[in-house]
Protein backbone atom coordinates (compact mmCIF):
# COMPACT_ATOMS: atom_id res chain seq x y z
CA UNK A 1 0.00 0.00 0.00
CA UNK A 2 1.13 3.54 -0.66
CA UNK A 3 1.48 5.87 2.33
CA UNK A 4 1.18 9.63 2.11
CA UNK A 5 1.87 11.81 5.13
CA UNK A 6 -0.15 14.84 6.22
CA UNK A 7 3.08 16.71 6.95
CA UNK A 8 6.84 16.29 7.39
CA UNK A 9 6.49 15.93 11.17
CA UNK A 10 4.24 12.87 10.84
CA UNK A 11 6.53 11.42 8.19
CA UNK A 12 9.62 11.77 10.40
CA UNK A 13 7.82 10.25 13.39
CA UNK A 14 6.72 7.27 11.31
CA UNK A 15 10.00 6.63 9.50
CA UNK A 16 12.79 7.62 11.87
CA UNK A 17 13.41 5.62 15.06
CA UNK A 18 14.98 8.62 16.80
CA UNK A 19 11.97 10.86 16.07
CA UNK A 20 9.52 8.12 17.04
CA UNK A 21 11.34 7.49 20.33
CA UNK A 22 11.26 11.22 21.04
CA UNK A 23 7.51 11.31 20.35
CA UNK A 24 6.93 8.59 22.93
CA UNK A 25 9.04 10.23 25.62
CA UNK A 26 11.97 7.87 25.17
CA UNK A 27 9.90 4.68 24.99
CA UNK A 28 11.74 2.69 22.32
CA UNK A 29 9.23 -0.20 22.50
CA UNK A 30 6.42 2.10 21.36
CA UNK A 31 8.69 3.60 18.70
CA UNK A 32 9.50 0.17 17.28
CA UNK A 33 5.83 -0.78 17.36
CA UNK A 34 4.90 2.35 15.39
CA UNK A 35 7.54 1.64 12.75
CA UNK A 36 6.29 -1.93 12.59
CA UNK A 37 2.72 -0.71 11.97
CA UNK A 38 4.00 1.49 9.15
CA UNK A 39 5.82 -1.48 7.61
CA UNK A 40 2.62 -3.54 7.86
CA UNK A 41 0.74 -0.79 6.01
CA UNK A 42 3.40 -0.71 3.30
CA UNK A 43 3.27 -4.51 2.94
CA UNK A 44 -0.51 -4.67 2.68
CA UNK A 45 -2.08 -4.75 -0.77
CA UNK A 46 -5.34 -3.15 0.35
CA UNK A 47 -6.60 -1.69 3.60
CA UNK A 48 -8.69 -4.78 4.30
CA UNK A 49 -5.42 -6.64 4.91
CA UNK A 50 -4.90 -4.31 7.89
CA UNK A 51 -8.52 -4.37 9.09
CA UNK A 52 -8.38 -8.11 9.72
CA UNK A 53 -5.32 -7.99 12.01
CA UNK A 54 -6.99 -8.07 15.43
CA UNK A 55 -4.11 -6.59 17.50
CA UNK A 56 -4.17 -3.47 15.29
CA UNK A 57 -7.76 -2.80 16.42
CA UNK A 58 -8.62 -0.90 13.23
CA UNK A 59 -11.60 1.31 14.05
CA UNK A 60 -13.45 4.30 12.65
CA UNK A 61 -13.40 7.70 14.30
CA UNK A 62 -16.24 10.17 14.79
CA UNK A 63 -16.78 13.89 15.23
CA UNK A 64 -14.04 16.04 13.72
CA UNK A 65 -12.29 12.85 12.65
CA UNK A 66 -15.18 11.36 10.67
CA UNK A 67 -13.72 9.63 7.61
CA UNK A 68 -10.53 8.78 9.51
CA UNK A 69 -9.58 5.49 11.11
CA UNK A 70 -7.25 4.54 13.92
CA UNK A 71 -4.83 1.70 14.48
CA UNK A 72 -3.42 1.06 17.95
CA UNK A 73 0.30 1.77 17.98
CA UNK A 74 1.01 -1.09 20.36
CA UNK A 75 -2.12 -2.40 22.07
CA UNK A 76 -5.58 -1.47 23.27
CA UNK A 77 -4.21 -0.64 26.71
CA UNK A 78 -1.83 2.01 25.38
CA UNK A 79 -3.14 5.50 24.69
CA UNK A 80 -1.34 5.93 21.36
CA UNK A 81 -2.94 5.43 17.96
CA UNK A 82 -2.05 6.00 14.34
CA UNK A 83 -4.68 8.09 12.54
CA UNK A 84 -5.11 7.27 8.84
CA UNK A 85 -7.44 8.23 6.02
CA UNK A 86 -8.18 6.02 3.01
CA UNK A 87 -7.66 7.66 -0.38
CA UNK A 88 -8.74 6.64 -3.87
CA UNK A 89 -6.32 5.94 -6.71
CA UNK A 90 -6.15 9.66 -7.53
CA UNK A 91 -5.34 10.61 -3.91
CA UNK A 92 -8.83 11.91 -3.17
CA UNK A 93 -10.90 11.30 -0.04
CA UNK A 94 -13.76 8.84 -0.40
CA UNK A 95 -17.18 10.51 0.00
CA UNK A 96 -18.94 8.83 1.61
CA UNK A 97 -16.22 6.85 3.34
CA UNK A 98 -17.97 3.53 3.94
CA UNK A 99 -15.07 1.26 4.88
CA UNK A 100 -17.09 -1.91 4.32
CA UNK A 101 -17.58 -0.93 0.67
CA UNK A 102 -14.08 0.38 -0.07
CA UNK A 103 -11.80 -1.86 2.04
CA UNK A 104 -10.99 -4.19 -0.85
CA UNK A 105 -9.95 -1.37 -3.21
CA UNK A 106 -8.07 1.13 -1.01
CA UNK A 107 -4.38 1.01 -1.92
CA UNK A 108 -3.39 4.41 -0.54
CA UNK A 109 -3.69 5.87 2.94
CA UNK A 110 -2.77 9.23 4.36
CA UNK A 111 -1.22 9.28 7.82
CA UNK A 112 -2.70 12.28 9.58
CA UNK A 113 -0.95 11.95 12.92
CA UNK A 114 0.10 9.79 15.81
CA UNK A 115 -2.01 10.85 18.73
CA UNK A 116 -2.67 10.18 22.33
CA UNK A 117 -6.44 9.95 22.39
CA UNK A 118 -6.66 10.76 26.10
CA UNK A 119 -5.21 14.25 25.67
């Protein structure tokens, strides 16, 4: 799958172990888990390949994040999640974004951010 980043900051955090470790306050285990999630996204053919991996806990978001989805960085018990948005083959947002209908065709995602959803 192709990954596009919302900004340079998100790209550095997702591709550089030093930046990822800094993001997680020095927690290298979380940093390695994030980089592993990114590698899993890259290796997937379509987003459905990610949806079916239970430990990732792929789930939709609501409110201001409607149309975005989250993947747990490490586990359900950690507060960190990777926020992604499925894009069509031209890099456009799906409207409406019904994941059940598009999961088998999405080959590009945009990483919006890595967030702590308790803050």
